[in-house]
Amino acid sequence: DVLSVSCAYRAMRLFVLIALALLPATLSMDCYSGKGDNPGIRHGCDIDYDFCYTLEYEDDTPRRGCSLYDQIYCTEEGVTKYRFASSPANLTCCRGELCNNQGL
C-alpha cells in the first residue's frame, strides 16, 4: 500500500544520505603528521586531484597540508611551484603511496 512505499522511500533516502556523508572519508588522504605550526590539525585531501605538501620555512618550522587548499601547485614529479613568485626552500609534494614512503 501507499504507507509501505513511503516508508521504503524514506529508508532508501536515508541510506543514500548516510552513504554520501561517508564518501569524502574514503576519497581523501591525511596529509598531516601532527608536527609543525598547528599540531593535531588533520587535513583531508582529495586523493584524485590533490597533493600533500611539506614546506619548511627558514626558521625550520615544517608546515604540512593539502596543495589545493593552500594554493601550492605541485606536479607529478614532485617539483613544485609556490603561489608566490619564487619557490621557497625545502618544498616537497607527494601523493598516495609516495607520502607513506616519505613518512608524511
Protein backbone atom coordinates (compact mmCIF):
# COMPACT_ATOMS: atom_id res chain seq x y z
CA ASP A 1 0.00 0.00 0.00
CA VAL A 2 0.94 3.68 -0.04
CA LEU A 3 2.28 3.71 3.53
CA SER A 4 4.83 0.94 2.97
CA VAL A 5 6.06 2.52 -0.28
CA SER A 6 6.51 5.85 1.51
CA CYS A 7 8.38 4.15 4.34
CA ALA A 8 10.66 2.29 1.93
CA TYR A 9 11.37 5.53 0.05
CA ARG A 10 12.32 7.30 3.28
CA ALA A 11 14.61 4.44 4.31
CA MET A 12 16.31 4.46 0.91
CA ARG A 13 16.75 8.24 1.04
CA LEU A 14 18.28 8.00 4.50
CA PHE A 15 20.68 5.29 3.30
CA VAL A 16 21.78 7.46 0.36
CA LEU A 17 22.37 10.44 2.66
CA ILE A 18 24.50 8.33 5.02
CA ALA A 19 26.48 6.92 2.07
CA LEU A 20 27.12 10.43 0.75
CA ALA A 21 28.25 11.57 4.20
CA LEU A 22 30.78 8.73 4.39
CA LEU A 23 32.05 9.17 0.83
CA PRO A 24 34.53 12.03 1.46
CA ALA A 25 36.27 9.95 4.13
CA THR A 26 37.01 7.21 1.63
CA LEU A 27 38.26 9.56 -1.10
CA SER A 28 40.64 11.62 0.98
CA MET A 29 44.10 11.14 2.43
CA ASP A 30 45.53 12.54 5.60
CA CYS A 31 48.48 14.82 4.96
CA TYR A 32 49.38 15.79 8.48
CA SER A 33 51.68 14.01 10.89
CA GLY A 34 50.94 16.21 13.90
CA LYS A 35 54.18 18.22 13.74
CA GLY A 36 54.75 21.83 12.83
CA ASP A 37 52.89 25.03 13.42
CA ASN A 38 49.47 23.50 14.12
CA PRO A 39 49.98 20.18 15.93
CA GLY A 40 46.97 17.92 15.89
CA ILE A 41 45.20 19.52 12.93
CA ARG A 42 44.42 16.95 10.27
CA HIS A 43 43.85 17.78 6.62
CA GLY A 44 41.73 15.56 4.40
CA CYS A 45 42.97 15.97 0.86
CA ASP A 46 41.21 14.93 -2.31
CA ILE A 47 43.02 11.77 -3.34
CA ASP A 48 42.48 12.26 -7.08
CA TYR A 49 43.38 15.90 -7.54
CA ASP A 50 45.35 16.95 -4.51
CA PHE A 51 48.90 16.58 -3.27
CA CYS A 52 50.22 16.56 0.25
CA TYR A 53 52.97 19.10 0.66
CA THR A 54 55.62 19.78 3.25
CA LEU A 55 57.04 23.25 3.40
CA GLU A 56 59.94 24.13 5.69
CA TYR A 57 60.40 27.81 6.36
CA GLU A 58 63.75 29.41 7.08
CA ASP A 59 63.14 29.03 10.80
CA ASP A 60 62.81 25.25 10.23
CA THR A 61 59.12 25.19 11.10
CA PRO A 62 57.54 22.48 8.93
CA ARG A 63 54.06 23.06 7.61
CA ARG A 64 52.04 20.26 6.04
CA GLY A 65 48.79 20.43 4.21
CA CYS A 66 46.78 19.96 1.03
CA SER A 67 48.11 21.66 -2.06
CA LEU A 68 44.72 22.73 -3.42
CA TYR A 69 43.54 24.14 -0.12
CA ASP A 70 46.71 26.17 0.41
CA GLN A 71 47.20 27.03 -3.29
CA ILE A 72 50.55 25.35 -3.60
CA TYR A 73 50.98 23.94 -7.07
CA CYS A 74 52.54 20.51 -7.30
CA THR A 75 53.37 18.42 -10.33
CA GLU A 76 53.52 14.66 -10.77
CA GLU A 77 57.31 14.67 -10.48
CA GLY A 78 57.14 16.29 -7.07
CA VAL A 79 58.60 19.51 -8.47
CA THR A 80 56.60 22.39 -7.12
CA LYS A 81 55.59 25.91 -7.92
CA TYR A 82 54.62 28.07 -4.99
CA ARG A 83 51.72 30.51 -5.10
CA PHE A 84 54.17 33.40 -4.85
CA ALA A 85 56.80 34.30 -7.45
CA SER A 86 59.68 32.31 -6.03
CA SER A 87 59.66 28.78 -4.71
CA PRO A 88 60.75 28.54 -1.06
CA ALA A 89 63.45 26.16 0.07
CA ASN A 90 62.53 22.63 1.11
CA LEU A 91 59.12 22.39 -0.52
CA THR A 92 58.17 18.82 -1.36
CA CYS A 93 54.97 17.27 -2.64
CA CYS A 94 53.69 13.73 -2.67
CA ARG A 95 50.54 11.80 -3.40
CA GLY A 96 49.21 8.47 -2.17
CA GLU A 97 51.81 5.79 -1.53
CA LEU A 98 54.62 8.28 -2.12
CA CYS A 99 53.50 10.15 1.00
CA ASN A 100 53.64 6.97 3.05
CA ASN A 101 57.17 6.33 1.82
CA GLN A 102 58.21 9.82 2.89
CA GLY A 103 56.66 9.31 6.31
CA LEU A 104 54.19 12.18 5.92
